[in-house]
Amino acid sequence: MPKKDRKKRVGVVYSTDPEFSYRTEQDKEQETLPPNEQDLRVWLDRKQRKGKLVTLVTGFAGSEKDLSELGKMLKTRLGTGGSAREGEVLIQGDFRDKVVEILSEAGYKIKKAGG
C-alpha cells in the first residue's frame, strides 16, 4: 500500500476482513454551488513558475468534474493551455481581464485580487 494512502487513514484501526475498505471524509464529492453563489477570485501569479505569468481562478466550491468543465470552457474561450485541480483553475498567460469578463457573463461573482 502506498505511503500516500497511509496518511489518509489517521485513526483507523487494523481490520482482518478482506472486504474492508477505508473510508475517509474526503471520499465524499462536494456538491457544486450554483454560479451566482460562487465567490471566485482571479489572480495573476508568477511564483514557482520561473517568472512566467499565469492567471489563477481560486475559490471554486464544487466537484472536480465541474471544476474541470469550467477550466475547459475558459481554456477554449481564451485559446490557451492550463489546468484545473484542487479548487483552482490555472490559465497560462495574462488573461485576468478576459477571465473576469467571461465568468461574469456566466453568472459567477468575481473579484480581481492580488495586484
C-alpha atoms as a PDB file:
ATOM      1  CA  MET A   1       0.000   0.000   0.000  1.00  0.00           C
ATOM      2  CA  PRO A   2       1.498   3.395  -0.967  1.00  0.00           C
ATOM      3  CA  LYS A   3       2.512   5.825   1.741  1.00  0.00           C
ATOM      4  CA  LYS A   4       0.037   8.395   0.424  1.00  0.00           C
ATOM      5  CA  ASP A   5      -2.848   6.153   1.471  1.00  0.00           C
ATOM      6  CA  ARG A   6      -1.463   5.715   4.973  1.00  0.00           C
ATOM      7  CA  LYS A   7      -1.631   9.426   5.679  1.00  0.00           C
ATOM      8  CA  LYS A   8      -5.366   9.467   4.934  1.00  0.00           C
ATOM      9  CA  ARG A   9      -6.044   6.634   7.402  1.00  0.00           C
ATOM     10  CA  VAL A  10      -5.305   8.545  10.604  1.00  0.00           C
ATOM     11  CA  GLY A  11      -7.249   6.997  13.474  1.00  0.00           C
ATOM     12  CA  VAL A  12      -8.253   3.835  11.581  1.00  0.00           C
ATOM     13  CA  VAL A  13      -7.767   0.518  13.388  1.00  0.00           C
ATOM     14  CA  TYR A  14      -6.452  -2.581  11.614  1.00  0.00           C
ATOM     15  CA  SER A  15      -9.063  -4.955  10.173  1.00  0.00           C
ATOM     16  CA  THR A  16      -8.723  -8.615   9.182  1.00  0.00           C
ATOM     17  CA  ASP A  17     -11.819  -8.504   6.973  1.00  0.00           C
ATOM     18  CA  PRO A  18     -10.689  -8.892   3.316  1.00  0.00           C
ATOM     19  CA  GLU A  19     -13.776  -6.943   2.130  1.00  0.00           C
ATOM     20  CA  PHE A  20     -12.966  -3.948   4.347  1.00  0.00           C
ATOM     21  CA  SER A  21     -12.158  -0.654   2.664  1.00  0.00           C
ATOM     22  CA  TYR A  22     -11.064   2.533   4.369  1.00  0.00           C
ATOM     23  CA  ARG A  23     -13.476   5.437   4.202  1.00  0.00           C
ATOM     24  CA  THR A  24     -12.413   8.974   4.845  1.00  0.00           C
ATOM     25  CA  GLU A  25     -14.341  12.215   4.889  1.00  0.00           C
ATOM     26  CA  GLN A  26     -12.541  13.285   1.719  1.00  0.00           C
ATOM     27  CA  ASP A  27     -14.183  10.464  -0.254  1.00  0.00           C
ATOM     28  CA  LYS A  28     -17.443  12.415  -0.459  1.00  0.00           C
ATOM     29  CA  GLU A  29     -17.876  14.611  -3.520  1.00  0.00           C
ATOM     30  CA  GLN A  30     -18.625  18.193  -2.639  1.00  0.00           C
ATOM     31  CA  GLU A  31     -21.879  19.472  -4.082  1.00  0.00           C
ATOM     32  CA  THR A  32     -21.377  22.227  -6.638  1.00  0.00           C
ATOM     33  CA  LEU A  33     -22.910  25.573  -5.777  1.00  0.00           C
ATOM     34  CA  PRO A  34     -24.787  27.493  -8.489  1.00  0.00           C
ATOM     35  CA  PRO A  35     -22.728  30.193 -10.265  1.00  0.00           C
ATOM     36  CA  ASN A  36     -24.445  33.111  -8.510  1.00  0.00           C
ATOM     37  CA  GLU A  37     -23.388  31.691  -5.105  1.00  0.00           C
ATOM     38  CA  GLN A  38     -19.749  31.040  -6.083  1.00  0.00           C
ATOM     39  CA  ASP A  39     -17.254  33.641  -4.843  1.00  0.00           C
ATOM     40  CA  LEU A  40     -14.262  33.418  -7.182  1.00  0.00           C
ATOM     41  CA  ARG A  41     -11.003  35.375  -7.089  1.00  0.00           C
ATOM     42  CA  VAL A  42      -8.850  35.963 -10.166  1.00  0.00           C
ATOM     43  CA  TRP A  43      -5.114  36.345  -9.522  1.00  0.00           C
ATOM     44  CA  LEU A  44      -2.028  36.983 -11.621  1.00  0.00           C
ATOM     45  CA  ASP A  45       0.789  34.820 -10.366  1.00  0.00           C
ATOM     46  CA  ARG A  46       4.375  34.030 -11.264  1.00  0.00           C
ATOM     47  CA  LYS A  47       5.634  32.349  -8.108  1.00  0.00           C
ATOM     48  CA  GLN A  48       7.287  28.949  -8.619  1.00  0.00           C
ATOM     49  CA  ARG A  49       6.777  29.251 -12.382  1.00  0.00           C
ATOM     50  CA  LYS A  50      10.197  30.532 -13.494  1.00  0.00           C
ATOM     51  CA  GLY A  51       8.881  34.090 -13.918  1.00  0.00           C
ATOM     52  CA  LYS A  52       6.112  33.176 -16.356  1.00  0.00           C
ATOM     53  CA  LEU A  53       2.704  34.764 -15.774  1.00  0.00           C
ATOM     54  CA  VAL A  54      -0.353  32.640 -15.131  1.00  0.00           C
ATOM     55  CA  THR A  55      -3.934  33.574 -14.321  1.00  0.00           C
ATOM     56  CA  LEU A  56      -5.359  31.734 -11.298  1.00  0.00           C
ATOM     57  CA  VAL A  57      -9.059  31.393 -10.565  1.00  0.00           C
ATOM     58  CA  THR A  58      -9.481  30.313  -6.934  1.00  0.00           C
ATOM     59  CA  GLY A  59     -12.376  29.731  -4.566  1.00  0.00           C
ATOM     60  CA  PHE A  60     -14.408  27.262  -6.628  1.00  0.00           C
ATOM     61  CA  ALA A  61     -16.706  25.175  -4.412  1.00  0.00           C
ATOM     62  CA  GLY A  62     -17.817  22.001  -6.120  1.00  0.00           C
ATOM     63  CA  SER A  63     -16.887  18.672  -7.631  1.00  0.00           C
ATOM     64  CA  GLU A  64     -13.708  18.057  -9.592  1.00  0.00           C
ATOM     65  CA  LYS A  65     -15.787  17.256 -12.681  1.00  0.00           C
ATOM     66  CA  ASP A  66     -17.494  20.670 -12.617  1.00  0.00           C
ATOM     67  CA  LEU A  67     -14.158  22.354 -11.967  1.00  0.00           C
ATOM     68  CA  SER A  68     -12.603  20.652 -14.987  1.00  0.00           C
ATOM     69  CA  GLU A  69     -15.593  21.695 -17.120  1.00  0.00           C
ATOM     70  CA  LEU A  70     -15.121  25.313 -16.001  1.00  0.00           C
ATOM     71  CA  GLY A  71     -11.404  25.085 -16.791  1.00  0.00           C
ATOM     72  CA  LYS A  72     -12.087  23.578 -20.200  1.00  0.00           C
ATOM     73  CA  MET A  73     -14.584  26.332 -21.015  1.00  0.00           C
ATOM     74  CA  LEU A  74     -12.072  29.039 -20.050  1.00  0.00           C
ATOM     75  CA  LYS A  75      -9.221  27.411 -21.964  1.00  0.00           C
ATOM     76  CA  THR A  76     -11.268  27.043 -25.164  1.00  0.00           C
ATOM     77  CA  ARG A  77     -12.679  30.575 -24.986  1.00  0.00           C
ATOM     78  CA  LEU A  78      -9.189  32.023 -24.429  1.00  0.00           C
ATOM     79  CA  GLY A  79      -7.362  29.675 -26.804  1.00  0.00           C
ATOM     80  CA  THR A  80      -4.641  28.806 -24.309  1.00  0.00           C
ATOM     81  CA  GLY A  81      -3.469  25.974 -22.081  1.00  0.00           C
ATOM     82  CA  GLY A  82      -3.898  25.409 -18.402  1.00  0.00           C
ATOM     83  CA  SER A  83      -5.128  23.001 -15.761  1.00  0.00           C
ATOM     84  CA  ALA A  84      -7.899  22.618 -13.209  1.00  0.00           C
ATOM     85  CA  ARG A  85      -7.411  20.848  -9.883  1.00  0.00           C
ATOM     86  CA  GLU A  86      -7.895  21.272  -6.141  1.00  0.00           C
ATOM     87  CA  GLY A  87     -10.378  24.131  -6.455  1.00  0.00           C
ATOM     88  CA  GLU A  88      -8.157  26.204  -8.761  1.00  0.00           C
ATOM     89  CA  VAL A  89      -8.110  26.843 -12.474  1.00  0.00           C
ATOM     90  CA  LEU A  90      -4.704  27.801 -13.869  1.00  0.00           C
ATOM     91  CA  ILE A  91      -4.610  29.562 -17.258  1.00  0.00           C
ATOM     92  CA  GLN A  92      -1.277  30.119 -18.965  1.00  0.00           C
ATOM     93  CA  GLY A  93      -0.652  33.822 -19.616  1.00  0.00           C
ATOM     94  CA  ASP A  94      -2.054  37.166 -18.509  1.00  0.00           C
ATOM     95  CA  PHE A  95      -5.794  36.852 -19.195  1.00  0.00           C
ATOM     96  CA  ARG A  96      -7.172  38.303 -15.957  1.00  0.00           C
ATOM     97  CA  ASP A  97      -9.465  40.894 -17.563  1.00  0.00           C
ATOM     98  CA  LYS A  98     -10.823  38.427 -20.126  1.00  0.00           C
ATOM     99  CA  VAL A  99     -11.390  35.748 -17.461  1.00  0.00           C
ATOM    100  CA  VAL A 100     -13.309  38.237 -15.299  1.00  0.00           C
ATOM    101  CA  GLU A 101     -15.447  39.189 -18.301  1.00  0.00           C
ATOM    102  CA  ILE A 102     -16.164  35.562 -19.309  1.00  0.00           C
ATOM    103  CA  LEU A 103     -17.029  34.420 -15.780  1.00  0.00           C
ATOM    104  CA  SER A 104     -19.228  37.431 -15.040  1.00  0.00           C
ATOM    105  CA  GLU A 105     -21.175  36.698 -18.258  1.00  0.00           C
ATOM    106  CA  ALA A 106     -21.622  33.128 -16.997  1.00  0.00           C
ATOM    107  CA  GLY A 107     -23.156  34.464 -13.766  1.00  0.00           C
ATOM    108  CA  TYR A 108     -20.266  33.981 -11.305  1.00  0.00           C
ATOM    109  CA  LYS A 109     -19.399  36.527  -8.587  1.00  0.00           C
ATOM    110  CA  ILE A 110     -15.875  37.602  -9.472  1.00  0.00           C
ATOM    111  CA  LYS A 111     -13.245  39.807  -7.843  1.00  0.00           C
ATOM    112  CA  LYS A 112      -9.808  40.720  -9.111  1.00  0.00           C
ATOM    113  CA  ALA A 113      -7.263  40.000  -6.437  1.00  0.00           C
ATOM    114  CA  GLY A 114      -3.534  40.340  -5.899  1.00  0.00           C
ATOM    115  CA  GLY A 115      -2.018  43.402  -7.530  1.00  0.00           C
END
